[in-house]
């Protein structure tokens, strides 16, 4: 499954999540649920925008790569 970045204009946060290409993430509530982080003070129905990102190159080394995306370690989302 590919990684996608979503931005919330209301709170200024950008989160990265992984999901199927056919899945639609449209609100802050959908995004934080998928990312496994707290909603903070931003209403769940706040719209988010999918960002256009450059693909992550795949190396032929065969070694495990730590992508290190934002996800649940994002500091802009207050913990509940």
PDB file of N, CA and C in Angstrom:
ATOM      1  N   UNK A   1       0.838  -1.190   0.000  1.00  0.00           N
ATOM      2  CA  UNK A   1       0.000   0.000   0.000  1.00  0.00           C
ATOM      3  C   UNK A   1       0.878   1.247   0.000  1.00  0.00           C
ATOM      4  N   UNK A   2       0.475   2.256  -0.737  1.00  0.00           N
ATOM      5  CA  UNK A   2       1.266   3.492  -0.797  1.00  0.00           C
ATOM      6  C   UNK A   2       1.044   4.397   0.412  1.00  0.00           C
ATOM      7  N   UNK A   3       1.996   5.293   0.612  1.00  0.00           N
ATOM      8  CA  UNK A   3       1.890   6.329   1.639  1.00  0.00           C
ATOM      9  C   UNK A   3       1.283   7.574   1.012  1.00  0.00           C
ATOM     10  N   UNK A   4       0.468   8.266   1.797  1.00  0.00           N
ATOM     11  CA  UNK A   4      -0.129   9.527   1.353  1.00  0.00           C
ATOM     12  C   UNK A   4       0.019  10.559   2.456  1.00  0.00           C
ATOM     13  N   UNK A   5       0.204  11.813   2.069  1.00  0.00           N
ATOM     14  CA  UNK A   5       0.243  12.923   3.014  1.00  0.00           C
ATOM     15  C   UNK A   5      -1.043  13.724   2.872  1.00  0.00           C
ATOM     16  N   UNK A   6      -1.593  14.110   4.022  1.00  0.00           N
ATOM     17  CA  UNK A   6      -2.800  14.928   4.052  1.00  0.00           C
ATOM     18  C   UNK A   6      -2.529  16.142   4.919  1.00  0.00           C
ATOM     19  N   UNK A   7      -3.079  17.287   4.497  1.00  0.00           N
ATOM     20  CA  UNK A   7      -2.887  18.537   5.231  1.00  0.00           C
ATOM     21  C   UNK A   7      -4.234  19.082   5.683  1.00  0.00           C
ATOM     22  N   UNK A   8      -4.258  19.556   6.932  1.00  0.00           N
ATOM     23  CA  UNK A   8      -5.437  20.214   7.479  1.00  0.00           C
ATOM     24  C   UNK A   8      -5.141  21.708   7.557  1.00  0.00           C
ATOM     25  N   UNK A   9      -5.844  22.487   6.776  1.00  0.00           N
ATOM     26  CA  UNK A   9      -5.649  23.938   6.742  1.00  0.00           C
ATOM     27  C   UNK A   9      -6.032  24.573   8.082  1.00  0.00           C
ATOM     28  N   UNK A  10      -7.029  24.012   8.759  1.00  0.00           N
ATOM     29  CA  UNK A  10      -7.524  24.579  10.016  1.00  0.00           C
ATOM     30  C   UNK A  10      -6.477  24.568  11.115  1.00  0.00           C
ATOM     31  N   UNK A  11      -5.756  23.430  11.276  1.00  0.00           N
ATOM     32  CA  UNK A  11      -4.772  23.345  12.363  1.00  0.00           C
ATOM     33  C   UNK A  11      -3.325  23.384  11.871  1.00  0.00           C
ATOM     34  N   UNK A  12      -3.126  23.403  10.559  1.00  0.00           N
ATOM     35  CA  UNK A  12      -1.786  23.499   9.992  1.00  0.00           C
ATOM     36  C   UNK A  12      -0.984  22.213  10.015  1.00  0.00           C
ATOM     37  N   UNK A  13      -1.594  21.108  10.416  1.00  0.00           N
ATOM     38  CA  UNK A  13      -0.870  19.834  10.520  1.00  0.00           C
ATOM     39  C   UNK A  13      -0.916  19.047   9.215  1.00  0.00           C
ATOM     40  N   UNK A  14       0.180  18.349   8.967  1.00  0.00           N
ATOM     41  CA  UNK A  14       0.269  17.417   7.854  1.00  0.00           C
ATOM     42  C   UNK A  14       0.605  16.052   8.438  1.00  0.00           C
ATOM     43  N   UNK A  15      -0.189  15.052   8.083  1.00  0.00           N
ATOM     44  CA  UNK A  15       0.037  13.689   8.556  1.00  0.00           C
ATOM     45  C   UNK A  15       0.234  12.769   7.363  1.00  0.00           C
ATOM     46  N   UNK A  16       1.017  11.745   7.577  1.00  0.00           N
ATOM     47  CA  UNK A  16       1.272  10.746   6.546  1.00  0.00           C
ATOM     48  C   UNK A  16       0.667   9.430   6.999  1.00  0.00           C
ATOM     49  N   UNK A  17      -0.092   8.813   6.117  1.00  0.00           N
ATOM     50  CA  UNK A  17      -0.685   7.515   6.422  1.00  0.00           C
ATOM     51  C   UNK A  17      -0.536   6.607   5.210  1.00  0.00           C
ATOM     52  N   UNK A  18      -0.781   5.347   5.452  1.00  0.00           N
ATOM     53  CA  UNK A  18      -0.722   4.345   4.400  1.00  0.00           C
ATOM     54  C   UNK A  18      -2.120   3.787   4.202  1.00  0.00           C
ATOM     55  N   UNK A  19      -2.584   3.734   2.958  1.00  0.00           N
ATOM     56  CA  UNK A  19      -3.890   3.143   2.696  1.00  0.00           C
ATOM     57  C   UNK A  19      -4.007   2.738   1.235  1.00  0.00           C
ATOM     58  N   UNK A  20      -5.047   1.962   0.951  1.00  0.00           N
ATOM     59  CA  UNK A  20      -5.295   1.513  -0.419  1.00  0.00           C
ATOM     60  C   UNK A  20      -5.591   2.711  -1.312  1.00  0.00           C
ATOM     61  N   UNK A  21      -5.246   2.595  -2.578  1.00  0.00           N
ATOM     62  CA  UNK A  21      -5.500   3.671  -3.534  1.00  0.00           C
ATOM     63  C   UNK A  21      -6.989   3.979  -3.641  1.00  0.00           C
ATOM     64  N   UNK A  22      -7.832   2.986  -3.440  1.00  0.00           N
ATOM     65  CA  UNK A  22      -9.276   3.167  -3.572  1.00  0.00           C
ATOM     66  C   UNK A  22      -9.915   3.826  -2.344  1.00  0.00           C
ATOM     67  N   UNK A  23      -9.193   3.896  -1.245  1.00  0.00           N
ATOM     68  CA  UNK A  23      -9.739   4.474  -0.011  1.00  0.00           C
ATOM     69  C   UNK A  23      -9.719   6.001  -0.075  1.00  0.00           C
ATOM     70  N   UNK A  24     -10.783   6.632   0.413  1.00  0.00           N
ATOM     71  CA  UNK A  24     -10.900   8.090   0.417  1.00  0.00           C
ATOM     72  C   UNK A  24     -10.816   8.620   1.847  1.00  0.00           C
ATOM     73  N   UNK A  25      -9.901   9.543   2.102  1.00  0.00           N
ATOM     74  CA  UNK A  25      -9.778  10.230   3.388  1.00  0.00           C
ATOM     75  C   UNK A  25     -10.175  11.673   3.129  1.00  0.00           C
ATOM     76  N   UNK A  26     -11.246  12.124   3.753  1.00  0.00           N
ATOM     77  CA  UNK A  26     -11.760  13.460   3.460  1.00  0.00           C
ATOM     78  C   UNK A  26     -11.815  14.386   4.659  1.00  0.00           C
ATOM     79  N   UNK A  27     -11.797  13.832   5.882  1.00  0.00           N
ATOM     80  CA  UNK A  27     -11.939  14.675   7.069  1.00  0.00           C
ATOM     81  C   UNK A  27     -10.821  14.419   8.072  1.00  0.00           C
ATOM     82  N   UNK A  28     -10.629  15.384   8.981  1.00  0.00           N
ATOM     83  CA  UNK A  28      -9.638  15.256  10.049  1.00  0.00           C
ATOM     84  C   UNK A  28      -9.928  14.023  10.900  1.00  0.00           C
ATOM     85  N   UNK A  29     -11.194  13.751  11.172  1.00  0.00           N
ATOM     86  CA  UNK A  29     -11.559  12.574  11.960  1.00  0.00           C
ATOM     87  C   UNK A  29     -11.125  11.283  11.294  1.00  0.00           C
ATOM     88  N   UNK A  30     -11.368  11.167   9.982  1.00  0.00           N
ATOM     89  CA  UNK A  30     -10.931   9.982   9.228  1.00  0.00           C
ATOM     90  C   UNK A  30      -9.413   9.842   9.282  1.00  0.00           C
ATOM     91  N   UNK A  31      -8.727  10.976   9.123  1.00  0.00           N
ATOM     92  CA  UNK A  31      -7.268  10.970   9.059  1.00  0.00           C
ATOM     93  C   UNK A  31      -6.635  10.554  10.379  1.00  0.00           C
ATOM     94  N   UNK A  32      -7.059  11.165  11.488  1.00  0.00           N
ATOM     95  CA  UNK A  32      -6.427  10.827  12.769  1.00  0.00           C
ATOM     96  C   UNK A  32      -6.775   9.413  13.215  1.00  0.00           C
ATOM     97  N   UNK A  33      -7.969   8.945  12.860  1.00  0.00           N
ATOM     98  CA  UNK A  33      -8.327   7.559  13.177  1.00  0.00           C
ATOM     99  C   UNK A  33      -7.388   6.601  12.452  1.00  0.00           C
ATOM    100  N   UNK A  34      -7.144   6.866  11.190  1.00  0.00           N
ATOM    101  CA  UNK A  34      -6.261   6.022  10.371  1.00  0.00           C
ATOM    102  C   UNK A  34      -4.809   6.118  10.831  1.00  0.00           C
ATOM    103  N   UNK A  35      -4.397   7.332  11.278  1.00  0.00           N
ATOM    104  CA  UNK A  35      -3.018   7.548  11.727  1.00  0.00           C
ATOM    105  C   UNK A  35      -2.796   7.046  13.153  1.00  0.00           C
ATOM    106  N   UNK A  36      -3.879   6.819  13.894  1.00  0.00           N
ATOM    107  CA  UNK A  36      -3.747   6.338  15.268  1.00  0.00           C
ATOM    108  C   UNK A  36      -3.300   7.413  16.239  1.00  0.00           C
ATOM    109  N   UNK A  37      -3.717   8.658  15.987  1.00  0.00           N
ATOM    110  CA  UNK A  37      -3.364   9.768  16.875  1.00  0.00           C
ATOM    111  C   UNK A  37      -4.635  10.451  17.362  1.00  0.00           C
ATOM    112  N   UNK A  38      -4.496  11.253  18.410  1.00  0.00           N
ATOM    113  CA  UNK A  38      -5.640  11.971  18.960  1.00  0.00           C
ATOM    114  C   UNK A  38      -6.104  13.095  18.047  1.00  0.00           C
ATOM    115  N   UNK A  39      -7.368  13.438  18.159  1.00  0.00           N
ATOM    116  CA  UNK A  39      -7.978  14.475  17.327  1.00  0.00           C
ATOM    117  C   UNK A  39      -7.578  15.868  17.761  1.00  0.00           C
ATOM    118  N   UNK A  40      -7.225  16.050  19.022  1.00  0.00           N
ATOM    119  CA  UNK A  40      -6.924  17.386  19.526  1.00  0.00           C
ATOM    120  C   UNK A  40      -8.193  18.211  19.574  1.00  0.00           C
ATOM    121  N   UNK A  41      -8.089  19.509  19.329  1.00  0.00           N
ATOM    122  CA  UNK A  41      -9.250  20.396  19.380  1.00  0.00           C
ATOM    123  C   UNK A  41      -9.896  20.610  18.012  1.00  0.00           C
ATOM    124  N   UNK A  42      -9.348  20.013  16.983  1.00  0.00           N
ATOM    125  CA  UNK A  42      -9.887  20.177  15.632  1.00  0.00           C
ATOM    126  C   UNK A  42     -11.129  19.304  15.468  1.00  0.00           C
ATOM    127  N   UNK A  43     -12.252  19.883  15.025  1.00  0.00           N
ATOM    128  CA  UNK A  43     -13.468  19.084  14.826  1.00  0.00           C
ATOM    129  C   UNK A  43     -13.248  17.940  13.835  1.00  0.00           C
ATOM    130  N   UNK A  44     -13.884  16.813  14.105  1.00  0.00           N
ATOM    131  CA  UNK A  44     -13.728  15.622  13.262  1.00  0.00           C
ATOM    132  C   UNK A  44     -14.151  15.846  11.821  1.00  0.00           C
ATOM    133  N   UNK A  45     -15.120  16.729  11.591  1.00  0.00           N
ATOM    134  CA  UNK A  45     -15.631  16.924  10.232  1.00  0.00           C
ATOM    135  C   UNK A  45     -14.858  17.972   9.425  1.00  0.00           C
ATOM    136  N   UNK A  46     -13.726  18.443   9.965  1.00  0.00           N
ATOM    137  CA  UNK A  46     -12.888  19.413   9.257  1.00  0.00           C
ATOM    138  C   UNK A  46     -12.272  18.753   8.021  1.00  0.00           C
ATOM    139  N   UNK A  47     -12.384  19.380   6.848  1.00  0.00           N
ATOM    140  CA  UNK A  47     -11.826  18.767   5.634  1.00  0.00           C
ATOM    141  C   UNK A  47     -10.297  18.766   5.616  1.00  0.00           C
ATOM    142  N   UNK A  48      -9.732  17.755   4.979  1.00  0.00           N
ATOM    143  CA  UNK A  48      -8.286  17.667   4.763  1.00  0.00           C
ATOM    144  C   UNK A  48      -8.030  17.542   3.265  1.00  0.00           C
ATOM    145  N   UNK A  49      -6.816  17.899   2.862  1.00  0.00           N
ATOM    146  CA  UNK A  49      -6.427  17.865   1.456  1.00  0.00           C
ATOM    147  C   UNK A  49      -5.288  16.877   1.257  1.00  0.00           C
ATOM    148  N   UNK A  50      -5.436  15.998   0.264  1.00  0.00           N
ATOM    149  CA  UNK A  50      -4.348  15.074  -0.074  1.00  0.00           C
ATOM    150  C   UNK A  50      -3.280  15.867  -0.815  1.00  0.00           C
ATOM    151  N   UNK A  51      -2.036  15.742  -0.363  1.00  0.00           N
ATOM    152  CA  UNK A  51      -0.927  16.448  -0.988  1.00  0.00           C
ATOM    153  C   UNK A  51      -0.297  15.584  -2.071  1.00  0.00           C
ATOM    154  N   UNK A  52       0.253  16.222  -3.054  1.00  0.00           N
ATOM    155  CA  UNK A  52       0.995  15.524  -4.100  1.00  0.00           C
ATOM    156  C   UNK A  52       2.441  15.411  -3.626  1.00  0.00           C
ATOM    157  N   UNK A  53       2.930  14.198  -3.490  1.00  0.00           N
ATOM    158  CA  UNK A  53       4.279  13.966  -2.982  1.00  0.00           C
ATOM    159  C   UNK A  53       5.094  13.178  -3.993  1.00  0.00           C
ATOM    160  N   UNK A  54       6.387  13.368  -3.926  1.00  0.00           N
ATOM    161  CA  UNK A  54       7.290  12.580  -4.760  1.00  0.00           C
ATOM    162  C   UNK A  54       7.325  11.152  -4.231  1.00  0.00           C
ATOM    163  N   UNK A  55       7.388  10.166  -5.108  1.00  0.00           N
ATOM    164  CA  UNK A  55       7.458   8.779  -4.645  1.00  0.00           C
ATOM    165  C   UNK A  55       8.775   8.498  -3.929  1.00  0.00           C
ATOM    166  N   UNK A  56       8.719   7.556  -3.008  1.00  0.00           N
ATOM    167  CA  UNK A  56       9.915   7.131  -2.292  1.00  0.00           C
ATOM    168  C   UNK A  56      10.646   6.121  -3.165  1.00  0.00           C
ATOM    169  N   UNK A  57      11.921   6.375  -3.468  1.00  0.00           N
ATOM    170  CA  UNK A  57      12.647   5.425  -4.318  1.00  0.00           C
ATOM    171  C   UNK A  57      12.838   4.083  -3.619  1.00  0.00           C
ATOM    172  N   UNK A  58      12.742   3.032  -4.382  1.00  0.00           N
ATOM    173  CA  UNK A  58      12.954   1.689  -3.853  1.00  0.00           C
ATOM    174  C   UNK A  58      14.381   1.289  -4.176  1.00  0.00           C
ATOM    175  N   UNK A  59      15.118   0.896  -3.144  1.00  0.00           N
ATOM    176  CA  UNK A  59      16.501   0.491  -3.358  1.00  0.00           C
ATOM    177  C   UNK A  59      16.558  -1.007  -3.599  1.00  0.00           C
ATOM    178  N   UNK A  60      17.574  -1.442  -4.277  1.00  0.00           N
ATOM    179  CA  UNK A  60      17.728  -2.856  -4.578  1.00  0.00           C
ATOM    180  C   UNK A  60      18.585  -3.583  -3.564  1.00  0.00           C
ATOM    181  N   UNK A  61      18.818  -2.983  -2.398  1.00  0.00           N
ATOM    182  CA  UNK A  61      19.718  -3.584  -1.422  1.00  0.00           C
ATOM    183  C   UNK A  61      19.120  -4.800  -0.742  1.00  0.00           C
ATOM    184  N   UNK A  62      17.776  -4.878  -0.688  1.00  0.00           N
ATOM    185  CA  UNK A  62      17.149  -5.988   0.002  1.00  0.00           C
ATOM    186  C   UNK A  62      17.112  -5.803   1.502  1.00  0.00           C
ATOM    187  N   UNK A  63      17.753  -4.752   2.012  1.00  0.00           N
ATOM    188  CA  UNK A  63      17.740  -4.495   3.447  1.00  0.00           C
ATOM    189  C   UNK A  63      16.479  -3.746   3.818  1.00  0.00           C
ATOM    190  N   UNK A  64      16.061  -3.929   5.068  1.00  0.00           N
ATOM    191  CA  UNK A  64      14.893  -3.217   5.568  1.00  0.00           C
ATOM    192  C   UNK A  64      15.186  -1.725   5.621  1.00  0.00           C
ATOM    193  N   UNK A  65      14.262  -0.927   5.114  1.00  0.00           N
ATOM    194  CA  UNK A  65      14.411   0.525   5.124  1.00  0.00           C
ATOM    195  C   UNK A  65      13.403   1.116   6.104  1.00  0.00           C
ATOM    196  N   UNK A  66      13.852   1.993   6.993  1.00  0.00           N
ATOM    197  CA  UNK A  66      12.956   2.683   7.906  1.00  0.00           C
ATOM    198  C   UNK A  66      12.515   3.972   7.230  1.00  0.00           C
ATOM    199  N   UNK A  67      11.270   4.006   6.777  1.00  0.00           N
ATOM    200  CA  UNK A  67      10.767   5.168   6.059  1.00  0.00           C
ATOM    201  C   UNK A  67      10.693   6.388   6.960  1.00  0.00           C
ATOM    202  N   UNK A  68      10.329   6.216   8.255  1.00  0.00           N
ATOM    203  CA  UNK A  68      10.340   7.315   9.219  1.00  0.00           C
ATOM    204  C   UNK A  68       9.304   8.383   8.969  1.00  0.00           C
ATOM    205  N   UNK A  69       8.151   8.019   8.444  1.00  0.00           N
ATOM    206  CA  UNK A  69       7.102   8.988   8.174  1.00  0.00           C
ATOM    207  C   UNK A  69       6.531   9.595   9.445  1.00  0.00           C
ATOM    208  N   UNK A  70       5.737  10.604   9.297  1.00  0.00           N
ATOM    209  CA  UNK A  70       5.160  11.370  10.398  1.00  0.00           C
ATOM    210  C   UNK A  70       4.297  10.481  11.296  1.00  0.00           C
ATOM    211  N   UNK A  71       3.224   9.934  10.762  1.00  0.00           N
ATOM    212  CA  UNK A  71       2.349   9.006  11.463  1.00  0.00           C
ATOM    213  C   UNK A  71       2.080   9.350  12.905  1.00  0.00           C
ATOM    214  N   UNK A  72       2.105   8.354  13.786  1.00  0.00           N
ATOM    215  CA  UNK A  72       1.742   8.562  15.187  1.00  0.00           C
ATOM    216  C   UNK A  72       2.794   9.333  15.970  1.00  0.00           C
ATOM    217  N   UNK A  73       3.962   9.562  15.397  1.00  0.00           N
ATOM    218  CA  UNK A  73       5.004  10.326  16.086  1.00  0.00           C
ATOM    219  C   UNK A  73       4.887  11.829  15.820  1.00  0.00           C
ATOM    220  N   UNK A  74       3.848  12.231  15.112  1.00  0.00           N
ATOM    221  CA  UNK A  74       3.679  13.640  14.745  1.00  0.00           C
ATOM    222  C   UNK A  74       3.530  14.503  15.992  1.00  0.00           C
ATOM    223  N   UNK A  75       4.383  15.499  16.135  1.00  0.00           N
ATOM    224  CA  UNK A  75       4.345  16.380  17.295  1.00  0.00           C
ATOM    225  C   UNK A  75       3.271  17.442  17.231  1.00  0.00           C
ATOM    226  N   UNK A  76       2.629  17.613  16.076  1.00  0.00           N
ATOM    227  CA  UNK A  76       1.617  18.668  15.976  1.00  0.00           C
ATOM    228  C   UNK A  76       0.253  18.205  16.464  1.00  0.00           C
ATOM    229  N   UNK A  77       0.101  16.922  16.778  1.00  0.00           N
ATOM    230  CA  UNK A  77      -1.181  16.415  17.244  1.00  0.00           C
ATOM    231  C   UNK A  77      -1.091  16.155  18.739  1.00  0.00           C
ATOM    232  N   UNK A  78      -1.892  16.864  19.556  1.00  0.00           N
ATOM    233  CA  UNK A  78      -1.860  16.644  21.002  1.00  0.00           C
ATOM    234  C   UNK A  78      -2.303  15.229  21.346  1.00  0.00           C
ATOM    235  N   UNK A  79      -1.673  14.652  22.308  1.00  0.00           N
ATOM    236  CA  UNK A  79      -2.035  13.307  22.766  1.00  0.00           C
ATOM    237  C   UNK A  79      -3.245  13.394  23.688  1.00  0.00           C
ATOM    238  N   UNK A  80      -4.167  12.455  23.527  1.00  0.00           N
ATOM    239  CA  UNK A  80      -5.376  12.434  24.369  1.00  0.00           C
ATOM    240  C   UNK A  80      -5.071  11.805  25.711  1.00  0.00           C
TER     241      UNK A  80
END
